[in-house]
C-alpha atoms as a PDB file:
ATOM      1  CA  MET A   1       0.000   0.000   0.000  1.00  0.00           C
ATOM      2  CA  ASN A   2       1.319   3.448  -0.895  1.00  0.00           C
ATOM      3  CA  LEU A   3       0.280   6.072   1.658  1.00  0.00           C
ATOM      4  CA  LYS A   4       1.225   9.753   1.376  1.00  0.00           C
ATOM      5  CA  PRO A   5       0.516  12.043   4.350  1.00  0.00           C
ATOM      6  CA  LEU A   6      -1.096  15.414   3.709  1.00  0.00           C
ATOM      7  CA  HIS A   7       0.255  18.844   4.646  1.00  0.00           C
ATOM      8  CA  ASP A   8       2.583  18.798   7.703  1.00  0.00           C
ATOM      9  CA  ARG A   9       2.042  15.184   8.729  1.00  0.00           C
ATOM     10  CA  VAL A  10       4.459  12.238   8.728  1.00  0.00           C
ATOM     11  CA  LEU A  11       4.033   8.461   8.757  1.00  0.00           C
ATOM     12  CA  VAL A  12       6.238   6.804  11.391  1.00  0.00           C
ATOM     13  CA  LYS A  13       7.005   3.133  12.018  1.00  0.00           C
ATOM     14  CA  ARG A  14       7.905   2.386  15.634  1.00  0.00           C
ATOM     15  CA  LEU A  15      11.353   0.866  16.216  1.00  0.00           C
ATOM     16  CA  GLU A  16      11.503  -2.113  18.542  1.00  0.00           C
ATOM     17  CA  GLU A  17      13.036  -1.509  21.951  1.00  0.00           C
ATOM     18  CA  GLU A  18      15.705  -3.816  23.337  1.00  0.00           C
ATOM     19  CA  GLU A  19      14.540  -6.767  25.406  1.00  0.00           C
ATOM     20  CA  LYS A  20      17.477  -6.510  27.828  1.00  0.00           C
ATOM     21  CA  THR A  21      18.692  -3.710  30.068  1.00  0.00           C
ATOM     22  CA  ARG A  22      22.353  -2.724  30.189  1.00  0.00           C
ATOM     23  CA  GLY A  23      22.715  -4.772  33.361  1.00  0.00           C
ATOM     24  CA  GLY A  24      21.472  -7.909  31.586  1.00  0.00           C
ATOM     25  CA  ILE A  25      17.956  -8.021  33.030  1.00  0.00           C
ATOM     26  CA  ILE A  26      15.450  -9.409  30.512  1.00  0.00           C
ATOM     27  CA  ILE A  27      12.224  -7.385  30.318  1.00  0.00           C
ATOM     28  CA  PRO A  28       9.066  -9.547  29.983  1.00  0.00           C
ATOM     29  CA  ASP A  29       6.444  -8.665  27.353  1.00  0.00           C
ATOM     30  CA  THR A  30       3.914  -7.657  30.004  1.00  0.00           C
ATOM     31  CA  ALA A  31       6.244  -4.974  31.425  1.00  0.00           C
ATOM     32  CA  LYS A  32       7.233  -3.444  28.089  1.00  0.00           C
ATOM     33  CA  GLU A  33       6.014  -0.018  27.095  1.00  0.00           C
ATOM     34  CA  LYS A  34       5.410   1.164  23.571  1.00  0.00           C
ATOM     35  CA  PRO A  35       8.600   2.420  21.927  1.00  0.00           C
ATOM     36  CA  ILE A  36       9.077   6.194  21.692  1.00  0.00           C
ATOM     37  CA  ARG A  37      11.541   5.973  18.809  1.00  0.00           C
ATOM     38  CA  GLY A  38      10.642   5.456  15.185  1.00  0.00           C
ATOM     39  CA  GLU A  39      11.645   5.780  11.561  1.00  0.00           C
ATOM     40  CA  ILE A  40       9.942   8.147   9.141  1.00  0.00           C
ATOM     41  CA  ILE A  41       8.327   6.178   6.320  1.00  0.00           C
ATOM     42  CA  ALA A  42       6.590   9.022   4.439  1.00  0.00           C
ATOM     43  CA  VAL A  43       6.516  12.832   4.682  1.00  0.00           C
ATOM     44  CA  GLY A  44       3.826  15.277   3.586  1.00  0.00           C
ATOM     45  CA  PRO A  45       4.694  18.270   1.375  1.00  0.00           C
ATOM     46  CA  GLY A  46       4.601  20.780   4.254  1.00  0.00           C
ATOM     47  CA  LYS A  47       2.317  23.364   5.822  1.00  0.00           C
ATOM     48  CA  MET A  48       0.951  26.408   4.013  1.00  0.00           C
ATOM     49  CA  SER A  49       1.762  29.763   5.612  1.00  0.00           C
ATOM     50  CA  ASP A  50      -0.571  32.763   5.840  1.00  0.00           C
ATOM     51  CA  GLU A  51       1.171  34.222   2.774  1.00  0.00           C
ATOM     52  CA  VAL A  52       0.233  31.052   0.817  1.00  0.00           C
ATOM     53  CA  LYS A  53       3.818  29.804   0.692  1.00  0.00           C
ATOM     54  CA  ARG A  54       4.713  26.218   1.479  1.00  0.00           C
ATOM     55  CA  ILE A  55       6.844  25.693   4.602  1.00  0.00           C
ATOM     56  CA  GLU A  56       9.044  22.664   3.875  1.00  0.00           C
ATOM     57  CA  MET A  57       9.358  19.820   6.366  1.00  0.00           C
ATOM     58  CA  SER A  58      12.554  19.588   8.412  1.00  0.00           C
ATOM     59  CA  VAL A  59      12.550  15.758   8.353  1.00  0.00           C
ATOM     60  CA  LYS A  60      12.810  13.351   5.444  1.00  0.00           C
ATOM     61  CA  THR A  61      12.101   9.688   4.765  1.00  0.00           C
ATOM     62  CA  GLY A  62      14.496   7.407   6.638  1.00  0.00           C
ATOM     63  CA  ASP A  63      15.179   9.805   9.542  1.00  0.00           C
ATOM     64  CA  LYS A  64      15.065   8.359  13.062  1.00  0.00           C
ATOM     65  CA  VAL A  65      12.922  10.394  15.473  1.00  0.00           C
ATOM     66  CA  MET A  66      11.764  10.384  19.090  1.00  0.00           C
ATOM     67  CA  PHE A  67       8.192  11.305  19.983  1.00  0.00           C
ATOM     68  CA  ASN A  68       5.774  11.487  22.886  1.00  0.00           C
ATOM     69  CA  LYS A  69       4.384   8.175  24.149  1.00  0.00           C
ATOM     70  CA  TYR A  70       0.810   9.160  23.251  1.00  0.00           C
ATOM     71  CA  ALA A  71       1.561  11.151  20.077  1.00  0.00           C
ATOM     72  CA  GLY A  72      -0.181  10.662  16.765  1.00  0.00           C
ATOM     73  CA  THR A  73      -2.917   8.416  15.457  1.00  0.00           C
ATOM     74  CA  GLU A  74      -2.238   4.692  15.294  1.00  0.00           C
ATOM     75  CA  ILE A  75      -3.072   2.898  12.039  1.00  0.00           C
ATOM     76  CA  LYS A  76      -2.366  -0.599  10.679  1.00  0.00           C
ATOM     77  CA  ILE A  77      -0.839  -0.986   7.232  1.00  0.00           C
ATOM     78  CA  GLU A  78      -0.383  -4.537   5.946  1.00  0.00           C
ATOM     79  CA  GLY A  79      -0.489  -5.907   9.500  1.00  0.00           C
ATOM     80  CA  GLU A  80       2.124  -3.501  10.912  1.00  0.00           C
ATOM     81  CA  GLU A  81       1.340  -0.653  13.289  1.00  0.00           C
ATOM     82  CA  HIS A  82       2.289   2.871  12.194  1.00  0.00           C
ATOM     83  CA  LEU A  83       1.656   6.384  13.507  1.00  0.00           C
ATOM     84  CA  VAL A  84       0.461   9.447  11.632  1.00  0.00           C
ATOM     85  CA  MET A  85       1.540  12.626  13.415  1.00  0.00           C
ATOM     86  CA  ARG A  86       2.359  16.279  12.880  1.00  0.00           C
END
Protein backbone atom coordinates (compact mmCIF):
# COMPACT_ATOMS: atom_id res chain seq x y z
CA MET A 1 0.00 0.00 0.00
CA ASN A 2 1.32 3.45 -0.90
CA LEU A 3 0.28 6.07 1.66
CA LYS A 4 1.23 9.75 1.38
CA PRO A 5 0.52 12.04 4.35
CA LEU A 6 -1.10 15.41 3.71
CA HIS A 7 0.26 18.84 4.65
CA ASP A 8 2.58 18.80 7.70
CA ARG A 9 2.04 15.18 8.73
CA VAL A 10 4.46 12.24 8.73
CA LEU A 11 4.03 8.46 8.76
CA VAL A 12 6.24 6.80 11.39
CA LYS A 13 7.00 3.13 12.02
CA ARG A 14 7.90 2.39 15.63
CA LEU A 15 11.35 0.87 16.22
CA GLU A 16 11.50 -2.11 18.54
CA GLU A 17 13.04 -1.51 21.95
CA GLU A 18 15.71 -3.82 23.34
CA GLU A 19 14.54 -6.77 25.41
CA LYS A 20 17.48 -6.51 27.83
CA THR A 21 18.69 -3.71 30.07
CA ARG A 22 22.35 -2.72 30.19
CA GLY A 23 22.72 -4.77 33.36
CA GLY A 24 21.47 -7.91 31.59
CA ILE A 25 17.96 -8.02 33.03
CA ILE A 26 15.45 -9.41 30.51
CA ILE A 27 12.22 -7.39 30.32
CA PRO A 28 9.07 -9.55 29.98
CA ASP A 29 6.44 -8.67 27.35
CA THR A 30 3.91 -7.66 30.00
CA ALA A 31 6.24 -4.97 31.43
CA LYS A 32 7.23 -3.44 28.09
CA GLU A 33 6.01 -0.02 27.10
CA LYS A 34 5.41 1.16 23.57
CA PRO A 35 8.60 2.42 21.93
CA ILE A 36 9.08 6.19 21.69
CA ARG A 37 11.54 5.97 18.81
CA GLY A 38 10.64 5.46 15.18
CA GLU A 39 11.65 5.78 11.56
CA ILE A 40 9.94 8.15 9.14
CA ILE A 41 8.33 6.18 6.32
CA ALA A 42 6.59 9.02 4.44
CA VAL A 43 6.52 12.83 4.68
CA GLY A 44 3.83 15.28 3.59
CA PRO A 45 4.69 18.27 1.38
CA GLY A 46 4.60 20.78 4.25
CA LYS A 47 2.32 23.36 5.82
CA MET A 48 0.95 26.41 4.01
CA SER A 49 1.76 29.76 5.61
CA ASP A 50 -0.57 32.76 5.84
CA GLU A 51 1.17 34.22 2.77
CA VAL A 52 0.23 31.05 0.82
CA LYS A 53 3.82 29.80 0.69
CA ARG A 54 4.71 26.22 1.48
CA ILE A 55 6.84 25.69 4.60
CA GLU A 56 9.04 22.66 3.88
CA MET A 57 9.36 19.82 6.37
CA SER A 58 12.55 19.59 8.41
CA VAL A 59 12.55 15.76 8.35
CA LYS A 60 12.81 13.35 5.44
CA THR A 61 12.10 9.69 4.77
CA GLY A 62 14.50 7.41 6.64
CA ASP A 63 15.18 9.80 9.54
CA LYS A 64 15.07 8.36 13.06
CA VAL A 65 12.92 10.39 15.47
CA MET A 66 11.76 10.38 19.09
CA PHE A 67 8.19 11.31 19.98
CA ASN A 68 5.77 11.49 22.89
CA LYS A 69 4.38 8.18 24.15
CA TYR A 70 0.81 9.16 23.25
CA ALA A 71 1.56 11.15 20.08
CA GLY A 72 -0.18 10.66 16.76
CA THR A 73 -2.92 8.42 15.46
CA GLU A 74 -2.24 4.69 15.29
CA ILE A 75 -3.07 2.90 12.04
CA LYS A 76 -2.37 -0.60 10.68
CA ILE A 77 -0.84 -0.99 7.23
CA GLU A 78 -0.38 -4.54 5.95
CA GLY A 79 -0.49 -5.91 9.50
CA GLU A 80 2.12 -3.50 10.91
CA GLU A 81 1.34 -0.65 13.29
CA HIS A 82 2.29 2.87 12.19
CA LEU A 83 1.66 6.38 13.51
CA VAL A 84 0.46 9.45 11.63
CA MET A 85 1.54 12.63 13.41
CA ARG A 86 2.36 16.28 12.88
